[in-house]
């Protein structure tokens, strides 16, 4: 298992796409900060030239983060089917393949997220005026969003290994994590069960987290961790079972 982990890590680091993805993410974060600062300096009525709005983009662009998670997953679970087939043919168990690919890609995704967060804090603290309570609220909101984003990455990993089609994978992720709240709210008028359920779907939790952050009344959200844990657990259980039965052509 250790040898296979090292092999997957080596393959991952040799892919130019991880450096392209990482570079683009950090450039976009930096560009967002300077664009906000530019408009703040050139337009006295511009209301968004502050750290609060800059940080809020992290929580408002969850679909983009999920898309990035699919791209990172693609590096080891994409179209290199021959390598996967050879690994299994040489006697490596499918479970080891499944967990090794997840461990390597998830580790680098978390590292990319941490670097991105550090960059937002650096830019937010150095470019924009200090605002009391904003940074503390930012950390609290990040803690709330973490299990939802991680569950999205895990679900993407499972879907990539079982379906191997990034369009289908991203479509399912959007359906699960960005399902229109207006539709759920409309359906909740007809069912109490749907009304309760709508409060705990990822899209509602992400939106509520954003609004609470903008109002600086953020607090630890246990429901986000429960929902994220449930999605991750179910995804992993079903994913391992389906991957064990999947035909590798």
C-alpha atoms as a PDB file:
ATOM      1  CA  UNK A   1       0.000   0.000   0.000  1.00  0.00           C
ATOM      2  CA  UNK A   2       2.826   2.414   0.910  1.00  0.00           C
ATOM      3  CA  UNK A   3       4.590   1.673  -2.365  1.00  0.00           C
ATOM      4  CA  UNK A   4       1.403   2.334  -4.333  1.00  0.00           C
ATOM      5  CA  UNK A   5       0.814   5.574  -2.424  1.00  0.00           C
ATOM      6  CA  UNK A   6       4.312   6.725  -3.349  1.00  0.00           C
ATOM      7  CA  UNK A   7       3.677   5.754  -6.959  1.00  0.00           C
ATOM      8  CA  UNK A   8       0.402   7.694  -7.110  1.00  0.00           C
ATOM      9  CA  UNK A   9       2.001  10.676  -5.390  1.00  0.00           C
ATOM     10  CA  UNK A  10       4.832  10.617  -7.939  1.00  0.00           C
ATOM     11  CA  UNK A  11       2.356  10.435 -10.838  1.00  0.00           C
ATOM     12  CA  UNK A  12       0.311  13.252  -9.331  1.00  0.00           C
ATOM     13  CA  UNK A  13       3.287  15.579  -8.955  1.00  0.00           C
ATOM     14  CA  UNK A  14       4.401  14.918 -12.528  1.00  0.00           C
ATOM     15  CA  UNK A  15       1.072  16.133 -13.907  1.00  0.00           C
ATOM     16  CA  UNK A  16       1.330  19.741 -15.071  1.00  0.00           C
ATOM     17  CA  UNK A  17      -2.406  20.209 -14.524  1.00  0.00           C
ATOM     18  CA  UNK A  18      -2.069  20.406 -10.726  1.00  0.00           C
ATOM     19  CA  UNK A  19       0.313  23.352 -11.048  1.00  0.00           C
ATOM     20  CA  UNK A  20      -1.933  25.018 -13.623  1.00  0.00           C
ATOM     21  CA  UNK A  21      -5.013  24.587 -11.421  1.00  0.00           C
ATOM     22  CA  UNK A  22      -3.191  25.840  -8.325  1.00  0.00           C
ATOM     23  CA  UNK A  23      -1.726  28.822 -10.137  1.00  0.00           C
ATOM     24  CA  UNK A  24      -5.062  29.867 -11.627  1.00  0.00           C
ATOM     25  CA  UNK A  25      -6.799  29.611  -8.245  1.00  0.00           C
ATOM     26  CA  UNK A  26      -4.231  31.810  -6.527  1.00  0.00           C
ATOM     27  CA  UNK A  27      -4.230  34.297  -9.412  1.00  0.00           C
ATOM     28  CA  UNK A  28      -8.030  34.576  -9.287  1.00  0.00           C
ATOM     29  CA  UNK A  29      -7.946  35.216  -5.534  1.00  0.00           C
ATOM     30  CA  UNK A  30      -5.285  37.895  -5.935  1.00  0.00           C
ATOM     31  CA  UNK A  31      -7.069  39.489  -8.887  1.00  0.00           C
ATOM     32  CA  UNK A  32     -10.353  39.646  -6.959  1.00  0.00           C
ATOM     33  CA  UNK A  33      -8.682  41.538  -4.114  1.00  0.00           C
ATOM     34  CA  UNK A  34      -6.988  44.088  -6.359  1.00  0.00           C
ATOM     35  CA  UNK A  35     -10.091  44.619  -8.508  1.00  0.00           C
ATOM     36  CA  UNK A  36     -12.131  45.420  -5.403  1.00  0.00           C
ATOM     37  CA  UNK A  37      -9.396  47.742  -4.155  1.00  0.00           C
ATOM     38  CA  UNK A  38      -9.153  49.466  -7.537  1.00  0.00           C
ATOM     39  CA  UNK A  39     -12.867  50.258  -7.672  1.00  0.00           C
ATOM     40  CA  UNK A  40     -12.769  51.350  -4.040  1.00  0.00           C
ATOM     41  CA  UNK A  41     -10.025  53.864  -4.844  1.00  0.00           C
ATOM     42  CA  UNK A  42     -11.612  55.150  -8.056  1.00  0.00           C
ATOM     43  CA  UNK A  43     -15.256  55.269  -6.981  1.00  0.00           C
ATOM     44  CA  UNK A  44     -16.121  56.851  -3.639  1.00  0.00           C
ATOM     45  CA  UNK A  45     -19.598  55.285  -3.736  1.00  0.00           C
ATOM     46  CA  UNK A  46     -18.321  51.719  -4.288  1.00  0.00           C
ATOM     47  CA  UNK A  47     -19.608  49.729  -1.277  1.00  0.00           C
ATOM     48  CA  UNK A  48     -17.628  46.501  -1.707  1.00  0.00           C
ATOM     49  CA  UNK A  49     -14.046  47.616  -1.198  1.00  0.00           C
ATOM     50  CA  UNK A  50     -13.659  45.906   2.159  1.00  0.00           C
ATOM     51  CA  UNK A  51     -12.389  42.675   3.664  1.00  0.00           C
ATOM     52  CA  UNK A  52     -15.879  41.471   4.563  1.00  0.00           C
ATOM     53  CA  UNK A  53     -17.035  41.385   0.944  1.00  0.00           C
ATOM     54  CA  UNK A  54     -13.690  40.014  -0.258  1.00  0.00           C
ATOM     55  CA  UNK A  55     -13.884  37.080   2.175  1.00  0.00           C
ATOM     56  CA  UNK A  56     -17.550  36.481   1.350  1.00  0.00           C
ATOM     57  CA  UNK A  57     -16.588  35.476  -2.195  1.00  0.00           C
ATOM     58  CA  UNK A  58     -15.148  32.258  -0.790  1.00  0.00           C
ATOM     59  CA  UNK A  59     -18.573  31.291   0.527  1.00  0.00           C
ATOM     60  CA  UNK A  60     -20.526  32.619  -2.434  1.00  0.00           C
ATOM     61  CA  UNK A  61     -18.562  30.669  -5.047  1.00  0.00           C
ATOM     62  CA  UNK A  62     -19.079  27.148  -3.718  1.00  0.00           C
ATOM     63  CA  UNK A  63     -19.898  25.866  -7.226  1.00  0.00           C
ATOM     64  CA  UNK A  64     -16.482  27.031  -8.432  1.00  0.00           C
ATOM     65  CA  UNK A  65     -14.787  25.269  -5.510  1.00  0.00           C
ATOM     66  CA  UNK A  66     -16.663  22.068  -6.366  1.00  0.00           C
ATOM     67  CA  UNK A  67     -15.558  22.424  -9.989  1.00  0.00           C
ATOM     68  CA  UNK A  68     -11.953  22.723  -8.809  1.00  0.00           C
ATOM     69  CA  UNK A  69     -12.428  19.567  -6.716  1.00  0.00           C
ATOM     70  CA  UNK A  70     -13.490  17.707  -9.875  1.00  0.00           C
ATOM     71  CA  UNK A  71     -10.407  18.974 -11.729  1.00  0.00           C
ATOM     72  CA  UNK A  72      -8.085  17.832  -8.927  1.00  0.00           C
ATOM     73  CA  UNK A  73      -9.804  14.439  -8.865  1.00  0.00           C
ATOM     74  CA  UNK A  74      -9.375  14.114 -12.623  1.00  0.00           C
ATOM     75  CA  UNK A  75      -5.599  14.071 -12.266  1.00  0.00           C
ATOM     76  CA  UNK A  76      -5.620  10.508 -10.884  1.00  0.00           C
ATOM     77  CA  UNK A  77      -9.114   9.291 -11.742  1.00  0.00           C
ATOM     78  CA  UNK A  78      -9.415  10.592 -15.272  1.00  0.00           C
ATOM     79  CA  UNK A  79      -8.756   8.836 -18.557  1.00  0.00           C
ATOM     80  CA  UNK A  80      -5.619   6.883 -17.622  1.00  0.00           C
ATOM     81  CA  UNK A  81      -7.660   3.658 -17.595  1.00  0.00           C
ATOM     82  CA  UNK A  82      -4.736   1.555 -18.836  1.00  0.00           C
ATOM     83  CA  UNK A  83      -2.664   2.345 -15.739  1.00  0.00           C
ATOM     84  CA  UNK A  84      -5.607   1.483 -13.496  1.00  0.00           C
ATOM     85  CA  UNK A  85      -6.160  -1.783 -15.353  1.00  0.00           C
ATOM     86  CA  UNK A  86      -2.478  -2.691 -15.057  1.00  0.00           C
ATOM     87  CA  UNK A  87      -2.423  -1.969 -11.312  1.00  0.00           C
ATOM     88  CA  UNK A  88      -5.342  -4.325 -10.725  1.00  0.00           C
ATOM     89  CA  UNK A  89      -3.875  -6.938 -13.097  1.00  0.00           C
ATOM     90  CA  UNK A  90      -0.663  -6.993 -11.056  1.00  0.00           C
ATOM     91  CA  UNK A  91      -2.621  -8.049  -7.981  1.00  0.00           C
ATOM     92  CA  UNK A  92      -3.302  -4.729  -6.271  1.00  0.00           C
ATOM     93  CA  UNK A  93      -6.716  -4.816  -4.620  1.00  0.00           C
ATOM     94  CA  UNK A  94      -9.355  -2.404  -5.815  1.00  0.00           C
ATOM     95  CA  UNK A  95      -9.845  -1.094  -2.296  1.00  0.00           C
ATOM     96  CA  UNK A  96      -6.184  -0.088  -2.107  1.00  0.00           C
ATOM     97  CA  UNK A  97      -6.498   1.672  -5.460  1.00  0.00           C
ATOM     98  CA  UNK A  98      -9.642   3.474  -4.302  1.00  0.00           C
ATOM     99  CA  UNK A  99      -8.212   4.671  -0.986  1.00  0.00           C
ATOM    100  CA  UNK A 100      -4.757   5.534  -2.309  1.00  0.00           C
ATOM    101  CA  UNK A 101      -6.147   7.760  -5.050  1.00  0.00           C
ATOM    102  CA  UNK A 102      -8.483   9.418  -2.553  1.00  0.00           C
ATOM    103  CA  UNK A 103      -5.704  10.007  -0.022  1.00  0.00           C
ATOM    104  CA  UNK A 104      -3.318  11.575  -2.541  1.00  0.00           C
ATOM    105  CA  UNK A 105      -5.825  13.816  -4.314  1.00  0.00           C
ATOM    106  CA  UNK A 106      -7.602  14.868  -1.115  1.00  0.00           C
ATOM    107  CA  UNK A 107      -4.297  15.727   0.572  1.00  0.00           C
ATOM    108  CA  UNK A 108      -3.327  18.088  -2.228  1.00  0.00           C
ATOM    109  CA  UNK A 109      -6.822  19.552  -2.441  1.00  0.00           C
ATOM    110  CA  UNK A 110      -6.717  20.360   1.286  1.00  0.00           C
ATOM    111  CA  UNK A 111      -3.228  21.834   0.864  1.00  0.00           C
ATOM    112  CA  UNK A 112      -4.464  24.008  -2.014  1.00  0.00           C
ATOM    113  CA  UNK A 113      -7.411  25.173   0.101  1.00  0.00           C
ATOM    114  CA  UNK A 114      -5.136  26.041   3.033  1.00  0.00           C
ATOM    115  CA  UNK A 115      -2.770  28.008   0.791  1.00  0.00           C
ATOM    116  CA  UNK A 116      -5.742  29.802  -0.746  1.00  0.00           C
ATOM    117  CA  UNK A 117      -7.139  30.663   2.686  1.00  0.00           C
ATOM    118  CA  UNK A 118      -3.747  31.952   3.823  1.00  0.00           C
ATOM    119  CA  UNK A 119      -3.559  34.120   0.701  1.00  0.00           C
ATOM    120  CA  UNK A 120      -7.042  35.568   1.288  1.00  0.00           C
ATOM    121  CA  UNK A 121      -6.108  36.455   4.865  1.00  0.00           C
ATOM    122  CA  UNK A 122      -2.838  38.043   3.743  1.00  0.00           C
ATOM    123  CA  UNK A 123      -4.561  40.104   1.055  1.00  0.00           C
ATOM    124  CA  UNK A 124      -7.571  40.956   3.186  1.00  0.00           C
ATOM    125  CA  UNK A 125      -5.401  42.129   6.072  1.00  0.00           C
ATOM    126  CA  UNK A 126      -2.907  44.124   4.008  1.00  0.00           C
ATOM    127  CA  UNK A 127      -5.049  45.698   1.277  1.00  0.00           C
ATOM    128  CA  UNK A 128      -8.316  46.506   3.040  1.00  0.00           C
ATOM    129  CA  UNK A 129      -8.928  48.530   6.227  1.00  0.00           C
ATOM    130  CA  UNK A 130      -9.176  46.641   9.499  1.00  0.00           C
ATOM    131  CA  UNK A 131     -12.715  45.720  10.547  1.00  0.00           C
ATOM    132  CA  UNK A 132     -13.384  44.389  14.017  1.00  0.00           C
ATOM    133  CA  UNK A 133     -14.723  40.847  14.133  1.00  0.00           C
ATOM    134  CA  UNK A 134     -14.403  40.121  10.411  1.00  0.00           C
ATOM    135  CA  UNK A 135     -11.418  37.783  10.615  1.00  0.00           C
ATOM    136  CA  UNK A 136     -12.913  35.860  13.535  1.00  0.00           C
ATOM    137  CA  UNK A 137     -16.175  35.468  11.611  1.00  0.00           C
ATOM    138  CA  UNK A 138     -14.186  34.350   8.560  1.00  0.00           C
ATOM    139  CA  UNK A 139     -12.540  31.520  10.485  1.00  0.00           C
ATOM    140  CA  UNK A 140     -15.889  30.448  11.953  1.00  0.00           C
ATOM    141  CA  UNK A 141     -17.542  30.429   8.523  1.00  0.00           C
ATOM    142  CA  UNK A 142     -14.647  28.424   7.075  1.00  0.00           C
ATOM    143  CA  UNK A 143     -15.097  25.803   9.791  1.00  0.00           C
ATOM    144  CA  UNK A 144     -18.775  25.541   8.860  1.00  0.00           C
ATOM    145  CA  UNK A 145     -18.145  25.186   5.136  1.00  0.00           C
ATOM    146  CA  UNK A 146     -15.290  22.672   5.477  1.00  0.00           C
ATOM    147  CA  UNK A 147     -17.335  19.438   5.892  1.00  0.00           C
ATOM    148  CA  UNK A 148     -19.650  20.341   3.011  1.00  0.00           C
ATOM    149  CA  UNK A 149     -16.766  21.037   0.622  1.00  0.00           C
ATOM    150  CA  UNK A 150     -14.896  17.901   1.728  1.00  0.00           C
ATOM    151  CA  UNK A 151     -18.005  15.794   1.199  1.00  0.00           C
ATOM    152  CA  UNK A 152     -18.260  17.270  -2.298  1.00  0.00           C
ATOM    153  CA  UNK A 153     -14.673  16.256  -3.024  1.00  0.00           C
ATOM    154  CA  UNK A 154     -15.292  12.726  -1.748  1.00  0.00           C
ATOM    155  CA  UNK A 155     -18.480  12.422  -3.791  1.00  0.00           C
ATOM    156  CA  UNK A 156     -16.595  13.660  -6.867  1.00  0.00           C
ATOM    157  CA  UNK A 157     -13.888  11.037  -6.250  1.00  0.00           C
ATOM    158  CA  UNK A 158     -16.465   8.263  -6.003  1.00  0.00           C
ATOM    159  CA  UNK A 159     -18.300   9.413  -9.118  1.00  0.00           C
ATOM    160  CA  UNK A 160     -15.100   9.740 -11.145  1.00  0.00           C
ATOM    161  CA  UNK A 161     -14.054   6.180 -10.299  1.00  0.00           C
ATOM    162  CA  UNK A 162     -17.488   4.744 -11.017  1.00  0.00           C
ATOM    163  CA  UNK A 163     -18.713   6.843 -13.965  1.00  0.00           C
ATOM    164  CA  UNK A 164     -15.468   8.290 -15.413  1.00  0.00           C
ATOM    165  CA  UNK A 165     -17.343  11.174 -17.040  1.00  0.00           C
ATOM    166  CA  UNK A 166     -16.551  14.628 -15.702  1.00  0.00           C
ATOM    167  CA  UNK A 167     -19.675  16.194 -17.226  1.00  0.00           C
ATOM    168  CA  UNK A 168     -21.936  13.726 -15.412  1.00  0.00           C
ATOM    169  CA  UNK A 169     -19.910  14.129 -12.223  1.00  0.00           C
ATOM    170  CA  UNK A 170     -20.136  17.917 -12.200  1.00  0.00           C
ATOM    171  CA  UNK A 171     -23.827  17.762 -13.076  1.00  0.00           C
ATOM    172  CA  UNK A 172     -24.536  15.495 -10.103  1.00  0.00           C
ATOM    173  CA  UNK A 173     -22.477  17.720  -7.811  1.00  0.00           C
ATOM    174  CA  UNK A 174     -24.433  20.783  -8.916  1.00  0.00           C
ATOM    175  CA  UNK A 175     -27.684  18.928  -8.322  1.00  0.00           C
ATOM    176  CA  UNK A 176     -26.645  17.872  -4.812  1.00  0.00           C
ATOM    177  CA  UNK A 177     -24.892  21.055  -3.686  1.00  0.00           C
ATOM    178  CA  UNK A 178     -26.582  23.824  -5.666  1.00  0.00           C
ATOM    179  CA  UNK A 179     -30.172  22.625  -5.900  1.00  0.00           C
ATOM    180  CA  UNK A 180     -32.330  25.772  -6.215  1.00  0.00           C
ATOM    181  CA  UNK A 181     -33.706  26.728  -2.814  1.00  0.00           C
ATOM    182  CA  UNK A 182     -36.723  28.356  -4.445  1.00  0.00           C
ATOM    183  CA  UNK A 183     -37.868  24.960  -5.732  1.00  0.00           C
ATOM    184  CA  UNK A 184     -37.465  23.367  -2.319  1.00  0.00           C
ATOM    185  CA  UNK A 185     -39.295  26.226  -0.657  1.00  0.00           C
ATOM    186  CA  UNK A 186     -42.146  25.843  -3.128  1.00  0.00           C
ATOM    187  CA  UNK A 187     -42.366  22.102  -2.527  1.00  0.00           C
ATOM    188  CA  UNK A 188     -42.202  22.592   1.243  1.00  0.00           C
ATOM    189  CA  UNK A 189     -45.664  24.153   1.111  1.00  0.00           C
ATOM    190  CA  UNK A 190     -47.036  20.718   0.258  1.00  0.00           C
ATOM    191  CA  UNK A 191     -45.100  18.590   2.730  1.00  0.00           C
ATOM    192  CA  UNK A 192     -43.777  19.075   6.253  1.00  0.00           C
ATOM    193  CA  UNK A 193     -41.090  16.484   5.565  1.00  0.00           C
ATOM    194  CA  UNK A 194     -39.797  18.466   2.583  1.00  0.00           C
ATOM    195  CA  UNK A 195     -39.915  21.672   4.634  1.00  0.00           C
ATOM    196  CA  UNK A 196     -37.679  20.146   7.315  1.00  0.00           C
ATOM    197  CA  UNK A 197     -35.458  18.451   4.732  1.00  0.00           C
ATOM    198  CA  UNK A 198     -34.942  21.722   2.833  1.00  0.00           C
ATOM    199  CA  UNK A 199     -33.276  23.265   5.892  1.00  0.00           C
ATOM    200  CA  UNK A 200     -30.462  20.722   5.784  1.00  0.00           C
ATOM    201  CA  UNK A 201     -29.610  20.364   2.098  1.00  0.00           C
ATOM    202  CA  UNK A 202     -26.078  21.572   1.271  1.00  0.00           C
ATOM    203  CA  UNK A 203     -27.265  24.568  -0.777  1.00  0.00           C
ATOM    204  CA  UNK A 204     -29.321  25.887   2.156  1.00  0.00           C
ATOM    205  CA  UNK A 205     -26.487  25.352   4.627  1.00  0.00           C
ATOM    206  CA  UNK A 206     -24.016  27.123   2.334  1.00  0.00           C
ATOM    207  CA  UNK A 207     -26.370  30.054   1.738  1.00  0.00           C
ATOM    208  CA  UNK A 208     -27.192  30.418   5.434  1.00  0.00           C
ATOM    209  CA  UNK A 209     -23.488  30.358   6.240  1.00  0.00           C
ATOM    210  CA  UNK A 210     -22.872  33.176   3.739  1.00  0.00           C
ATOM    211  CA  UNK A 211     -25.684  35.348   5.097  1.00  0.00           C
ATOM    212  CA  UNK A 212     -24.627  34.851   8.711  1.00  0.00           C
ATOM    213  CA  UNK A 213     -21.059  35.736   7.801  1.00  0.00           C
ATOM    214  CA  UNK A 214     -22.141  38.925   6.034  1.00  0.00           C
ATOM    215  CA  UNK A 215     -24.153  39.878   9.130  1.00  0.00           C
ATOM    216  CA  UNK A 216     -21.197  38.984  11.399  1.00  0.00           C
ATOM    217  CA  UNK A 217     -23.419  36.712  13.469  1.00  0.00           C
ATOM    218  CA  UNK A 218     -21.714  33.480  12.506  1.00  0.00           C
ATOM    219  CA  UNK A 219     -21.531  30.583  14.949  1.00  0.00           C
ATOM    220  CA  UNK A 220     -20.549  26.933  14.808  1.00  0.00           C
ATOM    221  CA  UNK A 221     -23.064  24.985  12.710  1.00  0.00           C
ATOM    222  CA  UNK A 222     -23.232  21.371  13.871  1.00  0.00           C
ATOM    223  CA  UNK A 223     -25.785  20.520  11.183  1.00  0.00           C
ATOM    224  CA  UNK A 224     -23.220  21.276   8.456  1.00  0.00           C
ATOM    225  CA  UNK A 225     -20.838  18.733   9.980  1.00  0.00           C
ATOM    226  CA  UNK A 226     -23.585  16.135  10.347  1.00  0.00           C
ATOM    227  CA  UNK A 227     -24.786  16.583   6.757  1.00  0.00           C
ATOM    228  CA  UNK A 228     -21.224  16.593   5.418  1.00  0.00           C
ATOM    229  CA  UNK A 229     -20.410  13.476   7.425  1.00  0.00           C
ATOM    230  CA  UNK A 230     -23.513  11.654   6.193  1.00  0.00           C
ATOM    231  CA  UNK A 231     -22.822  12.497   2.537  1.00  0.00           C
ATOM    232  CA  UNK A 232     -19.163  11.482   2.881  1.00  0.00           C
ATOM    233  CA  UNK A 233     -19.970   8.201   4.644  1.00  0.00           C
ATOM    234  CA  UNK A 234     -22.693   7.156   2.205  1.00  0.00           C
ATOM    235  CA  UNK A 235     -20.524   8.138  -0.767  1.00  0.00           C
ATOM    236  CA  UNK A 236     -17.571   6.088   0.485  1.00  0.00           C
ATOM    237  CA  UNK A 237     -19.638   3.004   1.320  1.00  0.00           C
ATOM    238  CA  UNK A 238     -21.450   2.971  -2.011  1.00  0.00           C
ATOM    239  CA  UNK A 239     -18.292   3.995  -3.877  1.00  0.00           C
ATOM    240  CA  UNK A 240     -16.188   1.112  -2.562  1.00  0.00           C
ATOM    241  CA  UNK A 241     -18.967  -1.377  -3.321  1.00  0.00           C
ATOM    242  CA  UNK A 242     -19.513  -0.119  -6.877  1.00  0.00           C
ATOM    243  CA  UNK A 243     -15.796   0.180  -7.651  1.00  0.00           C
ATOM    244  CA  UNK A 244     -15.238  -3.418  -6.512  1.00  0.00           C
ATOM    245  CA  UNK A 245     -17.811  -4.544  -9.089  1.00  0.00           C
ATOM    246  CA  UNK A 246     -16.899  -2.106 -11.860  1.00  0.00           C
ATOM    247  CA  UNK A 247     -15.583  -3.492 -15.122  1.00  0.00           C
ATOM    248  CA  UNK A 248     -12.184  -1.972 -15.932  1.00  0.00           C
ATOM    249  CA  UNK A 249     -11.775  -1.952 -19.719  1.00  0.00           C
END
